[in-house]
Amino acid sequence: MGQDAFMESFSSTVGGFQCKIYLLLLAGACSGLKVTVPSHTVHGIRGQALYLPVHYGFHTVASDIQIIWLFERPHTMPKYLLGSVNKSVVPDLEYQHKFTMMPPNASLLINPLQFTDEGNYIVKVNIQGNGTLSASQKIQVTVDDPVTKPVVQTQPSSGAVEYVGNMTLTCLVEGGTRLVYQWLKNERPVHTSSTTSFSLQNNTLHIAPVTKEDIGNYSCLVKNPVSEMESDIIMPTIYYGPYGLRVNSDKGLKVGEVFTVDIGEAILFYCSADSYPPNTYSWIQRTDNTTYVIKHGPRLEVASEKVGQKTTDYMCCAYNNVTGRRDEAHFTVIITSVGQKQNTGKLKHFQMPSRSAPTSDGVSGQDLHSTIYEVIQHIPAQQQDRPEFKAVYSQVNRITAWTGLTSRDGKI
């Protein structure tokens, strides 16, 4: 401290009460009284006991220590609760069974806590010695009932159709005071948006209209100063789709919307789309400008030897019977010989032999050229700018250069 100082500890007896005092001597000066509380706001639960801790200290000789507790509500005069001088406690008889103090400890016990006990509690400590030292603190007490577990109700309970229906989620709580509501989706807070809004108290979530992006795990988190509870997770029912309809196969070469399959080979087609509830699928074949349904369900098997013509057009139709929406995927199947398939299969892997390589096993260049040309002819013009087509087209040009073939108009 830059000066000679020392701490001397001694005990003095005051009115039968032993108080341990630390006397700080520094050039003959003495410090005063200090009263502290851990928090100036304390939250209590109705029906339970509440403890208000208070600490005080002083560095002087004391003959008497007085502690006083007062209670005040907004716009009212403070009311005396109880007080003590040294170890003697003098309560207000109206509250003698509700408030407890054990001097020289200045802390206060309130038991049981009721809503009427909410307000400001003032503690004042007086030290009598060579003079009188006084200090006080104020503690605000709030009283609440704990939150019970929330329950979320969804309207309509049967669900809503994307872009058509609206949805309302309501958070219901039976018990608790001073409730604060928060909505969570996939464990993250839900915020206001162009389709999402909240009621004044935040206990109701409105989604109008619903979209596929609104699908998720929702819950309601309810808090108050003494507790918090979260509802069970619910997943609102939202009907949507079909989206992303596509046709794939278990074998064969696919270029754009054209599949090639060997004579004598069976190929299985799969139709899929994202939808809820699941789509119903229909397979339609077109022959001589006439269309007819050949199968229902997500799979279609085509046996090439049973196909009456070399090139056949098909369509997969996906229908959602709740949203009323449908989508279609068109594709063409070309039947080729085994040898032709082996050569066109090189397109799939983009592997080309060198110029010195011998021709394929007994396959004429003209047959190979004819198949490749027919595949390209069945690719819609608007898809020929796609990267995958350009890659295939590049390989076709290489085949043409390698085989020395051209189409009727002199190019592929």
Foldseek 3Di string as FASTA:
>chain_A
DPDDWDKDWDWDAAPNAIDTAIATDDPNDFWAKDKDFPDQEDEAEAQQKDKTFIDMHGHDDFNKKKKWKWWDAPPDDTHGAWMDIAQRIGGDVVCPPAWDDGPPGRMIMGPRDHQVRFGKMKMKMWTDDPHIGIDMGIHGYGYKHEWDAKDKDKPPQVFEEAPPAKMKIAIDTDGMPPKAKFKDFPNHTDDDDPQWDADPRRRMIIGPHDHPVPFTWMKMWMDDPPYIHIYHTDTGDYWDDFADKDKDKPDADDDAQEGEDEQQDKIKMFIDGDTPPFWKKWKWWDDPNDIDTDDIDGMDIDHRNPDPDQKIKMKMKTADPPNRDIDMDIHMYGYAHPQLRVVVVCLVVVDDDDLPDDDTDVDDPVSNVVVVVVRVVPRDPVCCPPPSNVSSVVSVVVSCVSNVDADPVRHD
